[in-house]
């Protein structure tokens, strides 16, 4: 599971790879079925669902290549993944 930190400006940082991560890269991960946990940098609180909501909103407005090729939408993949992950 990928660990992320969300900063006050909304930017995301991969805590395992020690580098920034874009919403597009995270959307690709979700589409591929990979899971993540996000924590707020200032409070340490879990913000996974808030980050997922931002990714889903972004993909709804600007759909990725899977939607154009008749593949699963990011919303379908995320709903499936959320059903497998227990709440924090």
PDB file of N, CA and C in Angstrom:
ATOM      1  N   UNK A   1       0.854  -1.175   0.000  1.00  0.00           N
ATOM      2  CA  UNK A   1       0.000   0.000   0.000  1.00  0.00           C
ATOM      3  C   UNK A   1       0.898   1.236   0.000  1.00  0.00           C
ATOM      4  N   UNK A   2       0.575   2.158  -0.853  1.00  0.00           N
ATOM      5  CA  UNK A   2       1.354   3.384  -0.987  1.00  0.00           C
ATOM      6  C   UNK A   2       0.986   4.356   0.132  1.00  0.00           C
ATOM      7  N   UNK A   3       1.968   4.917   0.783  1.00  0.00           N
ATOM      8  CA  UNK A   3       1.750   5.908   1.826  1.00  0.00           C
ATOM      9  C   UNK A   3       1.975   7.305   1.279  1.00  0.00           C
ATOM     10  N   UNK A   4       1.008   8.194   1.534  1.00  0.00           N
ATOM     11  CA  UNK A   4       1.088   9.563   1.035  1.00  0.00           C
ATOM     12  C   UNK A   4       0.902  10.557   2.163  1.00  0.00           C
ATOM     13  N   UNK A   5       1.495  11.716   1.984  1.00  0.00           N
ATOM     14  CA  UNK A   5       1.285  12.850   2.877  1.00  0.00           C
ATOM     15  C   UNK A   5       0.678  13.968   2.041  1.00  0.00           C
ATOM     16  N   UNK A   6      -0.432  14.559   2.541  1.00  0.00           N
ATOM     17  CA  UNK A   6      -1.051  15.694   1.853  1.00  0.00           C
ATOM     18  C   UNK A   6      -0.666  16.965   2.598  1.00  0.00           C
ATOM     19  N   UNK A   7      -0.090  17.905   1.887  1.00  0.00           N
ATOM     20  CA  UNK A   7       0.349  19.174   2.481  1.00  0.00           C
ATOM     21  C   UNK A   7      -0.764  20.222   2.407  1.00  0.00           C
ATOM     22  N   UNK A   8      -0.587  21.326   3.130  1.00  0.00           N
ATOM     23  CA  UNK A   8      -1.615  22.360   3.242  1.00  0.00           C
ATOM     24  C   UNK A   8      -2.045  22.932   1.888  1.00  0.00           C
ATOM     25  N   UNK A   9      -1.151  22.882   0.895  1.00  0.00           N
ATOM     26  CA  UNK A   9      -1.481  23.406  -0.429  1.00  0.00           C
ATOM     27  C   UNK A   9      -2.125  22.355  -1.333  1.00  0.00           C
ATOM     28  N   UNK A  10      -2.363  21.158  -0.791  1.00  0.00           N
ATOM     29  CA  UNK A  10      -2.993  20.090  -1.555  1.00  0.00           C
ATOM     30  C   UNK A  10      -2.023  19.173  -2.270  1.00  0.00           C
ATOM     31  N   UNK A  11      -0.744  19.523  -2.249  1.00  0.00           N
ATOM     32  CA  UNK A  11       0.235  18.669  -2.921  1.00  0.00           C
ATOM     33  C   UNK A  11       0.406  17.365  -2.151  1.00  0.00           C
ATOM     34  N   UNK A  12       0.780  16.330  -2.888  1.00  0.00           N
ATOM     35  CA  UNK A  12       0.941  14.998  -2.308  1.00  0.00           C
ATOM     36  C   UNK A  12       2.394  14.571  -2.384  1.00  0.00           C
ATOM     37  N   UNK A  13       2.825  13.846  -1.364  1.00  0.00           N
ATOM     38  CA  UNK A  13       4.202  13.367  -1.286  1.00  0.00           C
ATOM     39  C   UNK A  13       4.175  11.880  -0.958  1.00  0.00           C
ATOM     40  N   UNK A  14       4.873  11.077  -1.753  1.00  0.00           N
ATOM     41  CA  UNK A  14       4.973   9.635  -1.496  1.00  0.00           C
ATOM     42  C   UNK A  14       6.002   9.442  -0.388  1.00  0.00           C
ATOM     43  N   UNK A  15       5.569   8.900   0.739  1.00  0.00           N
ATOM     44  CA  UNK A  15       6.472   8.763   1.888  1.00  0.00           C
ATOM     45  C   UNK A  15       7.470   7.626   1.712  1.00  0.00           C
ATOM     46  N   UNK A  16       7.163   6.656   0.876  1.00  0.00           N
ATOM     47  CA  UNK A  16       8.083   5.544   0.650  1.00  0.00           C
ATOM     48  C   UNK A  16       9.165   5.877  -0.359  1.00  0.00           C
ATOM     49  N   UNK A  17       8.771   6.606  -1.416  1.00  0.00           N
ATOM     50  CA  UNK A  17       9.720   6.963  -2.469  1.00  0.00           C
ATOM     51  C   UNK A  17      10.368   8.321  -2.229  1.00  0.00           C
ATOM     52  N   UNK A  18       9.872   9.054  -1.239  1.00  0.00           N
ATOM     53  CA  UNK A  18      10.411  10.375  -0.875  1.00  0.00           C
ATOM     54  C   UNK A  18      10.411  11.327  -2.066  1.00  0.00           C
ATOM     55  N   UNK A  19       9.234  11.416  -2.704  1.00  0.00           N
ATOM     56  CA  UNK A  19       9.104  12.332  -3.837  1.00  0.00           C
ATOM     57  C   UNK A  19       7.657  12.772  -3.987  1.00  0.00           C
ATOM     58  N   UNK A  20       7.449  13.893  -4.663  1.00  0.00           N
ATOM     59  CA  UNK A  20       6.086  14.349  -4.914  1.00  0.00           C
ATOM     60  C   UNK A  20       5.371  13.392  -5.863  1.00  0.00           C
ATOM     61  N   UNK A  21       4.049  13.381  -5.781  1.00  0.00           N
ATOM     62  CA  UNK A  21       3.227  12.566  -6.673  1.00  0.00           C
ATOM     63  C   UNK A  21       2.098  13.434  -7.205  1.00  0.00           C
ATOM     64  N   UNK A  22       1.806  13.308  -8.472  1.00  0.00           N
ATOM     65  CA  UNK A  22       0.743  14.099  -9.086  1.00  0.00           C
ATOM     66  C   UNK A  22      -0.597  13.372  -8.954  1.00  0.00           C
ATOM     67  N   UNK A  23      -1.678  14.126  -9.108  1.00  0.00           N
ATOM     68  CA  UNK A  23      -3.004  13.520  -9.083  1.00  0.00           C
ATOM     69  C   UNK A  23      -3.161  12.543 -10.247  1.00  0.00           C
ATOM     70  N   UNK A  24      -2.551  12.851 -11.367  1.00  0.00           N
ATOM     71  CA  UNK A  24      -2.615  11.964 -12.517  1.00  0.00           C
ATOM     72  C   UNK A  24      -1.939  10.628 -12.241  1.00  0.00           C
ATOM     73  N   UNK A  25      -0.791  10.676 -11.584  1.00  0.00           N
ATOM     74  CA  UNK A  25      -0.087   9.444 -11.231  1.00  0.00           C
ATOM     75  C   UNK A  25      -0.909   8.630 -10.234  1.00  0.00           C
ATOM     76  N   UNK A  26      -1.513   9.312  -9.272  1.00  0.00           N
ATOM     77  CA  UNK A  26      -2.345   8.614  -8.300  1.00  0.00           C
ATOM     78  C   UNK A  26      -3.578   8.020  -8.978  1.00  0.00           C
ATOM     79  N   UNK A  27      -4.160   8.749  -9.920  1.00  0.00           N
ATOM     80  CA  UNK A  27      -5.307   8.226 -10.668  1.00  0.00           C
ATOM     81  C   UNK A  27      -4.916   6.960 -11.426  1.00  0.00           C
ATOM     82  N   UNK A  28      -3.737   6.947 -12.022  1.00  0.00           N
ATOM     83  CA  UNK A  28      -3.252   5.750 -12.724  1.00  0.00           C
ATOM     84  C   UNK A  28      -3.125   4.574 -11.761  1.00  0.00           C
ATOM     85  N   UNK A  29      -2.620   4.848 -10.557  1.00  0.00           N
ATOM     86  CA  UNK A  29      -2.488   3.791  -9.545  1.00  0.00           C
ATOM     87  C   UNK A  29      -3.851   3.214  -9.163  1.00  0.00           C
ATOM     88  N   UNK A  30      -4.814   4.097  -8.924  1.00  0.00           N
ATOM     89  CA  UNK A  30      -6.155   3.651  -8.541  1.00  0.00           C
ATOM     90  C   UNK A  30      -6.769   2.840  -9.676  1.00  0.00           C
ATOM     91  N   UNK A  31      -6.593   3.320 -10.896  1.00  0.00           N
ATOM     92  CA  UNK A  31      -7.118   2.617 -12.064  1.00  0.00           C
ATOM     93  C   UNK A  31      -6.508   1.221 -12.177  1.00  0.00           C
ATOM     94  N   UNK A  32      -5.244   1.077 -11.780  1.00  0.00           N
ATOM     95  CA  UNK A  32      -4.549  -0.206 -11.849  1.00  0.00           C
ATOM     96  C   UNK A  32      -4.870  -1.101 -10.653  1.00  0.00           C
ATOM     97  N   UNK A  33      -5.696  -0.600  -9.721  1.00  0.00           N
ATOM     98  CA  UNK A  33      -6.109  -1.407  -8.580  1.00  0.00           C
ATOM     99  C   UNK A  33      -5.192  -1.315  -7.377  1.00  0.00           C
ATOM    100  N   UNK A  34      -4.218  -0.408  -7.423  1.00  0.00           N
ATOM    101  CA  UNK A  34      -3.324  -0.244  -6.274  1.00  0.00           C
ATOM    102  C   UNK A  34      -3.986   0.645  -5.223  1.00  0.00           C
ATOM    103  N   UNK A  35      -3.714   0.360  -3.961  1.00  0.00           N
ATOM    104  CA  UNK A  35      -4.330   1.121  -2.877  1.00  0.00           C
ATOM    105  C   UNK A  35      -3.328   2.095  -2.273  1.00  0.00           C
ATOM    106  N   UNK A  36      -3.861   3.058  -1.528  1.00  0.00           N
ATOM    107  CA  UNK A  36      -3.018   4.056  -0.864  1.00  0.00           C
ATOM    108  C   UNK A  36      -3.687   4.508   0.420  1.00  0.00           C
ATOM    109  N   UNK A  37      -2.904   5.069   1.292  1.00  0.00           N
ATOM    110  CA  UNK A  37      -3.378   5.745   2.504  1.00  0.00           C
ATOM    111  C   UNK A  37      -2.739   7.124   2.505  1.00  0.00           C
ATOM    112  N   UNK A  38      -3.537   8.131   2.806  1.00  0.00           N
ATOM    113  CA  UNK A  38      -3.027   9.497   2.852  1.00  0.00           C
ATOM    114  C   UNK A  38      -3.216  10.064   4.255  1.00  0.00           C
ATOM    115  N   UNK A  39      -2.223  10.790   4.699  1.00  0.00           N
ATOM    116  CA  UNK A  39      -2.270  11.460   6.001  1.00  0.00           C
ATOM    117  C   UNK A  39      -2.026  12.952   5.797  1.00  0.00           C
ATOM    118  N   UNK A  40      -2.701  13.757   6.593  1.00  0.00           N
ATOM    119  CA  UNK A  40      -2.497  15.198   6.568  1.00  0.00           C
ATOM    120  C   UNK A  40      -1.149  15.512   7.202  1.00  0.00           C
ATOM    121  N   UNK A  41      -0.334  16.299   6.528  1.00  0.00           N
ATOM    122  CA  UNK A  41       1.020  16.587   7.008  1.00  0.00           C
ATOM    123  C   UNK A  41       1.019  17.351   8.327  1.00  0.00           C
ATOM    124  N   UNK A  42       0.052  18.225   8.535  1.00  0.00           N
ATOM    125  CA  UNK A  42       0.078  19.046   9.753  1.00  0.00           C
ATOM    126  C   UNK A  42      -0.572  18.369  10.955  1.00  0.00           C
ATOM    127  N   UNK A  43      -1.589  17.535  10.719  1.00  0.00           N
ATOM    128  CA  UNK A  43      -2.300  16.919  11.849  1.00  0.00           C
ATOM    129  C   UNK A  43      -2.016  15.425  12.012  1.00  0.00           C
ATOM    130  N   UNK A  44      -1.573  14.785  10.932  1.00  0.00           N
ATOM    131  CA  UNK A  44      -1.352  13.345  10.967  1.00  0.00           C
ATOM    132  C   UNK A  44      -2.624  12.533  10.805  1.00  0.00           C
ATOM    133  N   UNK A  45      -3.763  13.220  10.651  1.00  0.00           N
ATOM    134  CA  UNK A  45      -5.037  12.523  10.503  1.00  0.00           C
ATOM    135  C   UNK A  45      -5.166  11.887   9.128  1.00  0.00           C
ATOM    136  N   UNK A  46      -5.897  10.784   9.072  1.00  0.00           N
ATOM    137  CA  UNK A  46      -6.145  10.107   7.808  1.00  0.00           C
ATOM    138  C   UNK A  46      -7.008  10.999   6.922  1.00  0.00           C
ATOM    139  N   UNK A  47      -6.597  11.174   5.677  1.00  0.00           N
ATOM    140  CA  UNK A  47      -7.376  11.960   4.713  1.00  0.00           C
ATOM    141  C   UNK A  47      -7.493  11.211   3.388  1.00  0.00           C
ATOM    142  N   UNK A  48      -7.439   9.884   3.463  1.00  0.00           N
ATOM    143  CA  UNK A  48      -7.478   9.047   2.268  1.00  0.00           C
ATOM    144  C   UNK A  48      -8.726   9.312   1.439  1.00  0.00           C
ATOM    145  N   UNK A  49      -9.875   9.357   2.080  1.00  0.00           N
ATOM    146  CA  UNK A  49     -11.113   9.525   1.330  1.00  0.00           C
ATOM    147  C   UNK A  49     -11.213  10.922   0.710  1.00  0.00           C
ATOM    148  N   UNK A  50     -10.685  11.923   1.373  1.00  0.00           N
ATOM    149  CA  UNK A  50     -10.690  13.266   0.802  1.00  0.00           C
ATOM    150  C   UNK A  50      -9.802  13.320  -0.451  1.00  0.00           C
ATOM    151  N   UNK A  51      -8.629  12.678  -0.377  1.00  0.00           N
ATOM    152  CA  UNK A  51      -7.730  12.650  -1.535  1.00  0.00           C
ATOM    153  C   UNK A  51      -8.381  11.869  -2.673  1.00  0.00           C
ATOM    154  N   UNK A  52      -9.006  10.744  -2.354  1.00  0.00           N
ATOM    155  CA  UNK A  52      -9.684   9.956  -3.379  1.00  0.00           C
ATOM    156  C   UNK A  52     -10.794  10.769  -4.034  1.00  0.00           C
ATOM    157  N   UNK A  53     -11.513  11.554  -3.253  1.00  0.00           N
ATOM    158  CA  UNK A  53     -12.584  12.390  -3.806  1.00  0.00           C
ATOM    159  C   UNK A  53     -12.026  13.410  -4.798  1.00  0.00           C
ATOM    160  N   UNK A  54     -10.878  13.990  -4.484  1.00  0.00           N
ATOM    161  CA  UNK A  54     -10.246  14.950  -5.396  1.00  0.00           C
ATOM    162  C   UNK A  54      -9.830  14.254  -6.692  1.00  0.00           C
ATOM    163  N   UNK A  55      -9.254  13.064  -6.564  1.00  0.00           N
ATOM    164  CA  UNK A  55      -8.843  12.304  -7.749  1.00  0.00           C
ATOM    165  C   UNK A  55     -10.064  11.972  -8.603  1.00  0.00           C
ATOM    166  N   UNK A  56     -11.143  11.514  -7.963  1.00  0.00           N
ATOM    167  CA  UNK A  56     -12.356  11.169  -8.699  1.00  0.00           C
ATOM    168  C   UNK A  56     -12.964  12.392  -9.380  1.00  0.00           C
ATOM    169  N   UNK A  57     -12.985  13.519  -8.685  1.00  0.00           N
ATOM    170  CA  UNK A  57     -13.531  14.741  -9.273  1.00  0.00           C
ATOM    171  C   UNK A  57     -12.696  15.160 -10.477  1.00  0.00           C
ATOM    172  N   UNK A  58     -11.409  15.073 -10.352  1.00  0.00           N
ATOM    173  CA  UNK A  58     -10.514  15.435 -11.461  1.00  0.00           C
ATOM    174  C   UNK A  58     -10.763  14.526 -12.657  1.00  0.00           C
ATOM    175  N   UNK A  59     -10.892  13.241 -12.411  1.00  0.00           N
ATOM    176  CA  UNK A  59     -11.093  12.282 -13.496  1.00  0.00           C
ATOM    177  C   UNK A  59     -12.490  12.392 -14.099  1.00  0.00           C
ATOM    178  N   UNK A  60     -13.453  12.868 -13.334  1.00  0.00           N
ATOM    179  CA  UNK A  60     -14.794  13.055 -13.866  1.00  0.00           C
ATOM    180  C   UNK A  60     -14.813  14.216 -14.847  1.00  0.00           C
ATOM    181  N   UNK A  61     -14.063  15.258 -14.518  1.00  0.00           N
ATOM    182  CA  UNK A  61     -13.994  16.433 -15.392  1.00  0.00           C
ATOM    183  C   UNK A  61     -13.052  16.176 -16.564  1.00  0.00           C
ATOM    184  N   UNK A  62     -11.883  15.553 -16.277  1.00  0.00           N
ATOM    185  CA  UNK A  62     -10.882  15.256 -17.299  1.00  0.00           C
ATOM    186  C   UNK A  62     -10.626  13.759 -17.313  1.00  0.00           C
ATOM    187  N   UNK A  63     -11.490  12.963 -17.975  1.00  0.00           N
ATOM    188  CA  UNK A  63     -11.309  11.514 -17.924  1.00  0.00           C
ATOM    189  C   UNK A  63      -9.993  11.080 -18.545  1.00  0.00           C
ATOM    190  N   UNK A  64      -9.461  10.021 -17.974  1.00  0.00           N
ATOM    191  CA  UNK A  64      -8.198   9.463 -18.444  1.00  0.00           C
ATOM    192  C   UNK A  64      -8.392   8.564 -19.646  1.00  0.00           C
ATOM    193  N   UNK A  65      -7.318   7.935 -20.109  1.00  0.00           N
ATOM    194  CA  UNK A  65      -7.362   7.125 -21.317  1.00  0.00           C
ATOM    195  C   UNK A  65      -8.255   5.883 -21.205  1.00  0.00           C
ATOM    196  N   UNK A  66      -8.470   5.340 -20.025  1.00  0.00           N
ATOM    197  CA  UNK A  66      -9.277   4.127 -19.887  1.00  0.00           C
ATOM    198  C   UNK A  66     -10.709   4.366 -20.359  1.00  0.00           C
ATOM    199  N   UNK A  67     -11.256   5.534 -20.036  1.00  0.00           N
ATOM    200  CA  UNK A  67     -12.626   5.833 -20.442  1.00  0.00           C
ATOM    201  C   UNK A  67     -12.728   5.930 -21.963  1.00  0.00           C
ATOM    202  N   UNK A  68     -11.699   6.481 -22.598  1.00  0.00           N
ATOM    203  CA  UNK A  68     -11.708   6.626 -24.051  1.00  0.00           C
ATOM    204  C   UNK A  68     -11.587   5.275 -24.748  1.00  0.00           C
ATOM    205  N   UNK A  69     -10.996   4.287 -24.087  1.00  0.00           N
ATOM    206  CA  UNK A  69     -10.768   2.979 -24.693  1.00  0.00           C
ATOM    207  C   UNK A  69     -11.814   1.952 -24.262  1.00  0.00           C
ATOM    208  N   UNK A  70     -12.881   2.410 -23.608  1.00  0.00           N
ATOM    209  CA  UNK A  70     -13.936   1.501 -23.204  1.00  0.00           C
ATOM    210  C   UNK A  70     -13.610   0.688 -21.963  1.00  0.00           C
ATOM    211  N   UNK A  71     -12.554   1.065 -21.246  1.00  0.00           N
ATOM    212  CA  UNK A  71     -12.184   0.356 -20.028  1.00  0.00           C
ATOM    213  C   UNK A  71     -12.992   0.828 -18.843  1.00  0.00           C
ATOM    214  N   UNK A  72     -12.678   0.282 -17.698  1.00  0.00           N
ATOM    215  CA  UNK A  72     -13.361   0.707 -16.482  1.00  0.00           C
ATOM    216  C   UNK A  72     -13.058   2.162 -16.198  1.00  0.00           C
ATOM    217  N   UNK A  73     -14.060   2.884 -15.775  1.00  0.00           N
ATOM    218  CA  UNK A  73     -13.831   4.253 -15.367  1.00  0.00           C
ATOM    219  C   UNK A  73     -13.138   4.258 -14.017  1.00  0.00           C
ATOM    220  N   UNK A  74     -12.472   5.338 -13.717  1.00  0.00           N
ATOM    221  CA  UNK A  74     -11.799   5.449 -12.424  1.00  0.00           C
ATOM    222  C   UNK A  74     -12.809   5.358 -11.299  1.00  0.00           C
ATOM    223  N   UNK A  75     -14.007   5.873 -11.502  1.00  0.00           N
ATOM    224  CA  UNK A  75     -15.039   5.804 -10.475  1.00  0.00           C
ATOM    225  C   UNK A  75     -15.412   4.352 -10.179  1.00  0.00           C
ATOM    226  N   UNK A  76     -15.532   3.521 -11.205  1.00  0.00           N
ATOM    227  CA  UNK A  76     -15.849   2.106 -10.999  1.00  0.00           C
ATOM    228  C   UNK A  76     -14.724   1.399 -10.253  1.00  0.00           C
ATOM    229  N   UNK A  77     -13.480   1.680 -10.648  1.00  0.00           N
ATOM    230  CA  UNK A  77     -12.326   1.046 -10.005  1.00  0.00           C
ATOM    231  C   UNK A  77     -12.225   1.483  -8.549  1.00  0.00           C
ATOM    232  N   UNK A  78     -12.407   2.777  -8.286  1.00  0.00           N
ATOM    233  CA  UNK A  78     -12.296   3.289  -6.921  1.00  0.00           C
ATOM    234  C   UNK A  78     -13.385   2.723  -6.031  1.00  0.00           C
ATOM    235  N   UNK A  79     -14.595   2.607  -6.558  1.00  0.00           N
ATOM    236  CA  UNK A  79     -15.698   2.051  -5.759  1.00  0.00           C
ATOM    237  C   UNK A  79     -15.390   0.619  -5.392  1.00  0.00           C
ATOM    238  N   UNK A  80     -14.836  -0.126  -6.322  1.00  0.00           N
ATOM    239  CA  UNK A  80     -14.471  -1.512  -6.060  1.00  0.00           C
ATOM    240  C   UNK A  80     -13.357  -1.592  -5.021  1.00  0.00           C
ATOM    241  N   UNK A  81     -12.353  -0.723  -5.152  1.00  0.00           N
ATOM    242  CA  UNK A  81     -11.237  -0.727  -4.204  1.00  0.00           C
ATOM    243  C   UNK A  81     -11.691  -0.283  -2.824  1.00  0.00           C
ATOM    244  N   UNK A  82     -12.572   0.710  -2.744  1.00  0.00           N
ATOM    245  CA  UNK A  82     -13.057   1.183  -1.446  1.00  0.00           C
ATOM    246  C   UNK A  82     -13.837   0.107  -0.724  1.00  0.00           C
ATOM    247  N   UNK A  83     -14.490  -0.738  -1.471  1.00  0.00           N
ATOM    248  CA  UNK A  83     -15.247  -1.823  -0.843  1.00  0.00           C
ATOM    249  C   UNK A  83     -14.335  -2.855  -0.195  1.00  0.00           C
ATOM    250  N   UNK A  84     -13.082  -2.944  -0.677  1.00  0.00           N
ATOM    251  CA  UNK A  84     -12.134  -3.920  -0.131  1.00  0.00           C
ATOM    252  C   UNK A  84     -11.305  -3.367   1.024  1.00  0.00           C
ATOM    253  N   UNK A  85     -11.253  -2.047   1.204  1.00  0.00           N
ATOM    254  CA  UNK A  85     -10.413  -1.441   2.235  1.00  0.00           C
ATOM    255  C   UNK A  85     -11.272  -1.077   3.441  1.00  0.00           C
ATOM    256  N   UNK A  86     -10.910  -1.595   4.610  1.00  0.00           N
ATOM    257  CA  UNK A  86     -11.696  -1.229   5.805  1.00  0.00           C
ATOM    258  C   UNK A  86     -11.486   0.241   6.162  1.00  0.00           C
ATOM    259  N   UNK A  87     -12.497   0.896   6.692  1.00  0.00           N
ATOM    260  CA  UNK A  87     -12.349   2.299   7.069  1.00  0.00           C
ATOM    261  C   UNK A  87     -11.312   2.462   8.177  1.00  0.00           C
ATOM    262  N   UNK A  88     -10.686   3.651   8.235  1.00  0.00           N
ATOM    263  CA  UNK A  88      -9.635   3.891   9.252  1.00  0.00           C
ATOM    264  C   UNK A  88     -10.173   3.874  10.660  1.00  0.00           C
TER     265      UNK A  88
END
